[in-house]
Protein backbone atom coordinates (compact mmCIF):
# COMPACT_ATOMS: atom_id res chain seq x y z
CA UNK A 1 0.00 0.00 0.00
CA UNK A 2 1.34 3.40 -1.00
CA UNK A 3 0.05 5.94 1.56
CA UNK A 4 -1.55 8.44 1.48
CA UNK A 5 -2.78 7.98 -2.10
CA UNK A 6 -3.86 4.41 -1.30
CA UNK A 7 -6.10 3.66 1.68
CA UNK A 8 -6.06 -0.10 1.13
CA UNK A 9 -4.61 -2.62 -1.31
CA UNK A 10 -5.81 -6.22 -1.51
CA UNK A 11 -4.21 -6.92 -4.87
CA UNK A 12 -5.23 -6.51 -8.51
CA UNK A 13 -7.51 -9.44 -9.45
CA UNK A 14 -6.12 -9.35 -13.02
CA UNK A 15 -2.54 -9.71 -11.83
CA UNK A 16 -3.36 -12.09 -8.96
CA UNK A 17 -6.36 -14.23 -10.00
CA UNK A 18 -8.03 -15.74 -6.98
CA UNK A 19 -5.95 -13.78 -4.49
CA UNK A 20 -6.47 -10.17 -5.65
CA UNK A 21 -9.58 -8.48 -4.27
CA UNK A 22 -9.46 -4.79 -5.25
CA UNK A 23 -12.83 -3.88 -6.76
CA UNK A 24 -14.25 -7.41 -6.38
CA UNK A 25 -17.91 -7.49 -5.23
CA UNK A 26 -17.98 -7.81 -1.45
CA UNK A 27 -14.44 -6.49 -1.03
CA UNK A 28 -13.89 -3.48 1.25
CA UNK A 29 -11.18 -2.16 -1.11
CA UNK A 30 -12.17 -0.47 -4.37
CA UNK A 31 -10.38 -0.87 -7.70
CA UNK A 32 -8.57 2.44 -7.07
CA UNK A 33 -7.45 1.35 -3.56
CA UNK A 34 -10.00 3.35 -1.57
CA UNK A 35 -11.92 1.91 1.37
CA UNK A 36 -15.47 1.41 0.16
CA UNK A 37 -18.85 0.44 1.48
CA UNK A 38 -21.70 -1.49 -0.10
CA UNK A 39 -25.05 -0.07 -1.20
CA UNK A 40 -27.76 -1.23 1.20
CA UNK A 41 -30.27 -2.25 -1.48
CA UNK A 42 -27.74 -3.59 -3.99
CA UNK A 43 -24.99 -5.16 -1.83
CA UNK A 44 -22.80 -6.02 -4.84
CA UNK A 45 -22.48 -2.31 -5.68
CA UNK A 46 -19.54 -0.53 -4.07
CA UNK A 47 -19.80 3.05 -2.84
CA UNK A 48 -17.97 5.74 -0.93
CA UNK A 49 -21.07 7.82 -0.10
CA UNK A 50 -24.83 7.30 -0.36
CA UNK A 51 -24.80 9.45 -3.51
CA UNK A 52 -23.17 6.51 -5.31
CA UNK A 53 -26.28 4.38 -4.69
CA UNK A 54 -29.35 4.87 -6.86
CA UNK A 55 -32.25 3.51 -4.81
CA UNK A 56 -34.68 5.68 -2.88
CA UNK A 57 -33.30 6.02 0.64
CA UNK A 58 -30.39 3.72 -0.19
CA UNK A 59 -27.32 4.17 1.99
CA UNK A 60 -23.64 3.32 1.71
CA UNK A 61 -23.05 0.71 4.43
CA UNK A 62 -19.51 0.29 5.71
CA UNK A 63 -18.07 3.77 5.19
CA UNK A 64 -18.53 4.67 8.86
CA UNK A 65 -21.14 7.38 8.24
CA UNK A 66 -24.92 7.20 8.64
CA UNK A 67 -26.15 9.16 5.62
CA UNK A 68 -29.45 10.31 4.23
CA UNK A 69 -30.45 11.86 0.92
CA UNK A 70 -31.21 15.51 0.25
CA UNK A 71 -34.89 16.13 -0.44
CA UNK A 72 -34.06 17.64 -3.84
CA UNK A 73 -32.05 14.55 -4.79
CA UNK A 74 -28.81 16.51 -5.05
CA UNK A 75 -26.66 14.16 -2.97
CA UNK A 76 -25.94 12.45 0.34
CA UNK A 77 -26.17 14.25 3.68
CA UNK A 78 -25.93 13.98 7.42
CA UNK A 79 -27.92 17.12 8.27
CA UNK A 80 -30.15 19.70 6.60
CA UNK A 81 -27.18 22.05 6.31
CA UNK A 82 -25.51 19.63 3.88
CA UNK A 83 -28.43 20.10 1.46
CA UNK A 84 -28.83 23.86 1.56
CA UNK A 85 -26.95 26.34 -0.57
CA UNK A 86 -27.56 29.91 -1.64
CA UNK A 87 -26.03 30.94 -4.95
CA UNK A 88 -26.79 34.19 -6.78
CA UNK A 89 -29.76 34.76 -4.49
CA UNK A 90 -31.44 31.42 -5.17
CA UNK A 91 -31.63 28.13 -3.32
CA UNK A 92 -30.73 24.84 -4.97
CA UNK A 93 -34.28 24.46 -6.28
CA UNK A 94 -33.69 27.50 -8.51
CA UNK A 95 -36.92 29.14 -7.33
CA UNK A 96 -36.69 30.09 -3.65
CA UNK A 97 -34.98 33.43 -3.01
CA UNK A 98 -32.31 33.52 -0.32
CA UNK A 99 -29.57 35.62 1.21
CA UNK A 100 -27.98 32.72 3.10
CA UNK A 101 -28.27 28.88 3.05
CA UNK A 102 -30.50 28.81 6.14
CA UNK A 103 -33.22 30.57 4.10
CA UNK A 104 -33.59 27.43 1.99
CA UNK A 105 -36.01 24.58 2.73
CA UNK A 106 -34.16 21.50 1.49
CA UNK A 107 -33.94 18.78 4.16
CA UNK A 108 -31.90 15.68 4.81
CA UNK A 109 -34.22 12.69 4.48
CA UNK A 110 -33.36 9.56 6.52
CA UNK A 111 -32.00 6.63 4.54
CA UNK A 112 -32.25 2.94 5.34
CA UNK A 113 -29.07 2.81 7.46
CA UNK A 114 -29.84 2.50 11.16
CA UNK A 115 -26.14 2.70 12.06
CA UNK A 116 -22.72 2.46 10.43
CA UNK A 117 -19.63 1.84 12.56
CA UNK A 118 -17.41 1.14 9.55
CA UNK A 119 -15.92 -2.04 11.00
CA UNK A 120 -16.38 -5.68 9.92
CA UNK A 121 -17.41 -6.94 13.40
CA UNK A 122 -20.90 -8.30 12.78
CA UNK A 123 -21.92 -9.12 16.37
CA UNK A 124 -21.29 -5.71 17.99
CA UNK A 125 -23.96 -3.03 18.35
CA UNK A 126 -24.10 -2.36 14.60
CA UNK A 127 -24.33 -5.32 12.23
CA UNK A 128 -22.47 -5.41 8.93
CA UNK A 129 -25.71 -4.64 7.07
CA UNK A 130 -25.95 -1.37 9.05
CA UNK A 131 -28.90 -2.41 11.18
CA UNK A 132 -28.91 -2.39 14.98
CA UNK A 133 -28.06 -5.73 16.56
CA UNK A 134 -30.89 -6.91 18.80
CA UNK A 135 -28.47 -8.99 20.92
CA UNK A 136 -25.10 -7.23 20.63
CA UNK A 137 -21.81 -8.33 22.14
CA UNK A 138 -20.31 -4.89 22.77
CA UNK A 139 -16.71 -4.12 21.89
CA UNK A 140 -14.61 -3.15 24.92
CA UNK A 141 -13.71 0.52 25.48
CA UNK A 142 -10.04 -0.21 24.68
CA UNK A 143 -11.08 0.01 21.01
CA UNK A 144 -12.23 3.61 21.49
CA UNK A 145 -10.84 6.03 18.91
CA UNK A 146 -10.41 3.35 16.23
CA UNK A 147 -12.59 2.97 13.18
CA UNK A 148 -12.98 1.06 9.94
CA UNK A 149 -10.14 -1.31 9.05
CA UNK A 150 -8.39 -0.81 12.40
CA UNK A 151 -11.12 -2.84 14.17
CA UNK A 152 -10.95 -6.34 12.76
CA UNK A 153 -12.29 -9.82 13.50
CA UNK A 154 -9.92 -12.38 14.99
CA UNK A 155 -10.04 -16.15 14.76
CA UNK A 156 -9.68 -17.83 18.16
CA UNK A 157 -8.62 -21.39 17.45
CA UNK A 158 -8.53 -22.38 21.10
CA UNK A 159 -9.54 -20.74 24.35
CA UNK A 160 -9.37 -22.51 27.72
CA UNK A 161 -10.54 -21.27 31.13
CA UNK A 162 -9.99 -23.38 34.26
CA UNK A 163 -11.10 -23.07 37.87
CA UNK A 164 -8.11 -24.45 39.76
CA UNK A 165 -7.50 -25.03 43.46
CA UNK A 166 -4.77 -22.37 43.58
CA UNK A 167 -7.27 -19.54 43.93
CA UNK A 168 -10.17 -20.05 46.37
CA UNK A 169 -13.71 -19.79 45.03
CA UNK A 170 -15.58 -20.93 41.95
CA UNK A 171 -14.32 -18.38 39.43
CA UNK A 172 -11.87 -19.14 36.62
CA UNK A 173 -8.22 -18.37 37.36
CA UNK A 174 -6.21 -20.04 34.57
CA UNK A 175 -6.62 -19.13 30.91
CA UNK A 176 -5.02 -19.55 27.51
CA UNK A 177 -6.00 -18.31 24.05
CA UNK A 178 -4.48 -19.09 20.66
CA UNK A 179 -5.52 -17.59 17.36
CA UNK A 180 -4.79 -15.19 14.55
CA UNK A 181 -5.98 -12.13 12.66
CA UNK A 182 -5.14 -10.37 9.40
CA UNK A 183 -3.28 -7.10 9.84
CA UNK A 184 -4.72 -4.11 7.92
CA UNK A 185 -2.35 -3.09 5.15
CA UNK A 186 -0.31 -0.07 6.18
CA UNK A 187 -0.84 -0.63 9.91
CA UNK A 188 2.17 -0.41 12.22
CA UNK A 189 2.62 -3.53 14.36
CA UNK A 190 5.50 -3.33 16.83
CA UNK A 191 4.53 -4.72 20.28
CA UNK A 192 7.85 -3.86 21.92
CA UNK A 193 7.21 -0.18 21.14
CA UNK A 194 3.40 -0.12 21.48
CA UNK A 195 0.99 -0.74 24.33
CA UNK A 196 -0.65 -4.18 24.24
CA UNK A 197 -4.09 -4.62 25.85
CA UNK A 198 -5.94 -7.89 26.44
CA UNK A 199 -9.60 -8.02 27.50
CA UNK A 200 -12.05 -10.82 28.21
CA UNK A 201 -15.58 -9.45 28.41
CA UNK A 202 -19.25 -10.34 28.20
CA UNK A 203 -22.16 -7.90 28.20
CA UNK A 204 -21.15 -5.32 30.81
CA UNK A 205 -18.41 -2.81 31.60
CA UNK A 206 -18.00 -0.90 34.86
CA UNK A 207 -16.37 2.39 35.90
CA UNK A 208 -13.22 1.91 37.97
CA UNK A 209 -12.34 5.04 39.94
CA UNK A 210 -13.69 8.53 39.33
CA UNK A 211 -17.00 9.88 40.57
CA UNK A 212 -19.05 6.93 39.21
CA UNK A 213 -16.94 4.06 40.51
CA UNK A 214 -18.80 0.76 40.10
CA UNK A 215 -21.47 2.15 37.74
CA UNK A 216 -22.14 0.55 34.32
CA UNK A 217 -20.50 2.30 31.38
CA UNK A 218 -20.12 2.08 27.60
CA UNK A 219 -16.95 4.16 27.31
CA UNK A 220 -14.58 6.51 29.12
CA UNK A 221 -16.95 9.54 28.90
CA UNK A 222 -19.32 7.64 31.23
CA UNK A 223 -16.65 7.62 33.97
CA UNK A 224 -15.88 11.27 34.85
CA UNK A 225 -13.33 12.28 37.43
CA UNK A 226 -10.51 10.21 36.01
CA UNK A 227 -12.33 6.88 36.03
CA UNK A 228 -11.81 4.10 33.51
CA UNK A 229 -14.47 1.96 31.82
CA UNK A 230 -13.23 -1.62 32.19
CA UNK A 231 -14.37 -5.19 31.87
CA UNK A 232 -15.22 -6.80 35.24
CA UNK A 233 -13.88 -10.11 33.94
CA UNK A 234 -10.28 -9.46 32.90
CA UNK A 235 -8.39 -6.50 31.48
CA UNK A 236 -4.62 -6.12 31.32
CA UNK A 237 -2.12 -3.70 29.74
CA UNK A 238 1.57 -4.12 28.94
CA UNK A 239 3.31 -0.80 28.32
CA UNK A 240 6.69 -0.32 26.63
CA UNK A 241 9.30 1.06 28.99
CA UNK A 242 8.01 -0.80 32.07
CA UNK A 243 11.27 -2.71 32.54
CA UNK A 244 10.79 -6.23 31.20
CA UNK A 245 7.02 -6.03 31.69
CA UNK A 246 6.20 -5.90 27.98
CA UNK A 247 6.73 -7.78 24.72
CA UNK A 248 10.32 -7.96 23.47
CA UNK A 249 11.30 -8.79 19.91
CA UNK A 250 13.41 -11.93 19.60
CA UNK A 251 16.29 -12.10 17.14
CA UNK A 252 17.10 -9.95 14.11
CA UNK A 253 14.71 -11.62 11.66
CA UNK A 254 12.86 -8.98 9.65
CA UNK A 255 10.87 -11.29 7.37
CA UNK A 256 9.10 -13.08 10.25
CA UNK A 257 9.54 -11.12 13.49
CA UNK A 258 8.58 -12.72 16.81
CA UNK A 259 7.76 -10.99 20.10
CA UNK A 260 7.61 -12.68 23.49
CA UNK A 261 6.47 -11.67 26.96
CA UNK A 262 7.19 -13.68 30.10
CA UNK A 263 6.65 -13.06 33.80
CA UNK A 264 6.61 -16.23 35.90
CA UNK A 265 4.99 -14.57 38.91
CA UNK A 266 2.29 -12.77 36.95
CA UNK A 267 2.68 -9.76 39.21
CA UNK A 268 2.98 -6.90 36.71
CA UNK A 269 0.98 -3.90 37.87
CA UNK A 270 -2.00 -3.58 35.53
CA UNK A 271 -1.47 -7.06 34.07
CA UNK A 272 -1.83 -9.31 37.09
CA UNK A 273 -1.90 -13.04 36.28
CA UNK A 274 -0.72 -12.51 32.67
CA UNK A 275 2.38 -14.70 32.61
CA UNK A 276 3.30 -15.36 29.02
CA UNK A 277 2.61 -14.26 25.49
CA UNK A 278 3.93 -14.81 22.00
CA UNK A 279 3.14 -12.87 18.82
CA UNK A 280 4.56 -13.40 15.36
CA UNK A 281 3.95 -12.26 11.80
CA UNK A 282 3.32 -14.36 8.72
CA UNK A 283 4.04 -12.05 5.81
CA UNK A 284 1.61 -11.68 2.94
CA UNK A 285 2.16 -13.53 -0.32
CA UNK A 286 0.23 -14.36 -3.48
CA UNK A 287 -2.12 -16.66 -1.58
CA UNK A 288 -2.38 -14.50 1.55
CA UNK A 289 -3.04 -10.86 0.56
CA UNK A 290 -2.56 -9.44 4.08
CA UNK A 291 0.06 -9.90 6.78
CA UNK A 292 -1.20 -12.33 9.42
CA UNK A 293 -0.59 -12.07 13.17
CA UNK A 294 -0.62 -15.22 15.28
CA UNK A 295 -1.00 -15.02 19.07
CA UNK A 296 -0.55 -17.42 21.97
CA UNK A 297 -1.37 -15.89 25.39
CA UNK A 298 -1.47 -17.55 28.81
CA UNK A 299 -2.10 -16.60 32.43
CA UNK A 300 -2.58 -18.07 35.89
CA UNK A 301 -3.97 -16.29 38.95
CA UNK A 302 -1.69 -17.72 41.61
CA UNK A 303 1.09 -16.13 43.71
CA UNK A 304 -0.24 -12.63 43.11
CA UNK A 305 -1.88 -10.19 45.49
CA UNK A 306 -4.74 -9.79 44.95
CA UNK A 307 -5.20 -13.20 43.40
CA UNK A 308 -6.88 -12.84 40.02
CA UNK A 309 -9.93 -14.83 38.95
CA UNK A 310 -12.96 -13.89 36.91
CA UNK A 311 -16.61 -14.96 36.93
CA UNK A 312 -17.80 -15.98 33.47
CA UNK A 313 -21.61 -15.88 33.46
CA UNK A 314 -22.99 -18.84 31.44
CA UNK A 315 -26.29 -17.01 30.92
CA UNK A 316 -24.77 -13.77 29.53
CA UNK A 317 -24.95 -12.92 25.83
CA UNK A 318 -27.85 -15.28 25.20
CA UNK A 319 -26.20 -18.29 26.85
CA UNK A 320 -25.98 -21.07 27.63
CA UNK A 321 -23.65 -22.13 26.17
CA UNK A 322 -21.24 -19.59 27.72
CA UNK A 323 -19.94 -16.89 25.38
CA UNK A 324 -16.95 -14.62 25.96
CA UNK A 325 -15.44 -11.88 23.80
CA UNK A 326 -11.65 -11.85 23.52
CA UNK A 327 -10.07 -8.58 22.36
CA UNK A 328 -6.41 -7.85 21.71
CA UNK A 329 -5.27 -4.30 20.94
CA UNK A 330 -1.73 -3.56 19.76
CA UNK A 331 -1.07 0.09 18.97
CA UNK A 332 -3.86 1.23 16.64
CA UNK A 333 -5.14 -2.24 15.76
CA UNK A 334 -7.98 -3.86 17.73
CA UNK A 335 -8.70 -7.54 16.93
CA UNK A 336 -11.77 -9.09 18.54
CA UNK A 337 -13.95 -12.19 18.38
CA UNK A 338 -16.68 -13.86 20.43
CA UNK A 339 -15.88 -17.37 21.65
CA UNK A 340 -18.51 -20.02 22.28
CA UNK A 341 -17.58 -22.41 25.07
CA UNK A 342 -18.23 -26.04 25.96
CA UNK A 343 -18.53 -26.76 29.68
CA UNK A 344 -16.28 -29.56 30.92
CA UNK A 345 -15.32 -31.11 34.25
CA UNK A 346 -18.55 -30.31 36.05
CA UNK A 347 -18.23 -26.59 35.29
CA UNK A 348 -14.56 -26.34 36.29
CA UNK A 349 -13.29 -25.99 32.72
CA UNK A 350 -14.39 -24.17 29.57
CA UNK A 351 -13.11 -25.02 26.09
CA UNK A 352 -13.86 -22.16 23.71
CA UNK A 353 -13.50 -21.35 20.02
CA UNK A 354 -14.68 -18.93 17.35
CA UNK A 355 -17.73 -19.96 15.40
CA UNK A 356 -16.71 -17.64 12.54
CA UNK A 357 -13.25 -16.63 11.42
CA UNK A 358 -12.02 -13.36 9.86
């Protein structure tokens, strides 16, 4: 990808048959390497705004903007102001006299998009067809500030949660997840120089600190006074510069870099119980149009104060079976997926996996 003229590049389908996806129906990358949406009434038609779609009320789903149509048919809009103009004393209709745009009567008519978050996560609050999800699995607040291709689905090949005897109680205290995700072209991925966040969540987030400590929240604005909106299950951060408490790149290899994190005690402040992690890149090729990140993360809630365990609710998110969202953010990339879990060992062990991959 050649920034800034290109916003994405999934390969020319003429040069790379079967592996090139620029301009292919259903692809998020247009033939001229611009991020595109799909028209809501004709999903095979690509668009950058609702004006590119011909149907009455038709929107451009996937561009991150909820758009309507101007009442005079002149183009797409988000408010009445986008439809009003005053030129040479006349409004856009060529009849109404005006001295300023607010004198005009054109309005922004709602389209058929209920929402548009611009990301390909289908089970969050806004589905990929730009309708509200009746049973959403909300993304964690650590993805705040990211949009479009920087929020991507992950594939969790294996997730395990165990209630061991090392931590008293019935909550889960040992965990491991393995999986992968495709890195957006042009994204910077350098875990030894970027903060790495890991979150396990279900359907609720709570304010920690601030003036609304303990109250439900959807994001940091809901937690004034310096509070944070966090998952009550598990949330951990590894920050570069915190001694050895972060990922470190191993070896000089540039074609397949590997990063590893290890703390046998699991006592890093802000990442309690997270003991080990491994990330590595599989570079793109003719058969794999995007760089792929593989992850293997593990933790155990023993020998730390306070001892870490988390209560996974089997009835949350429409369960049973239990469902848990796993989210990994590295720098400006947030990869997330909902795992569905099988209950083993009389409720002492969960084996989880993604139902759908990226």
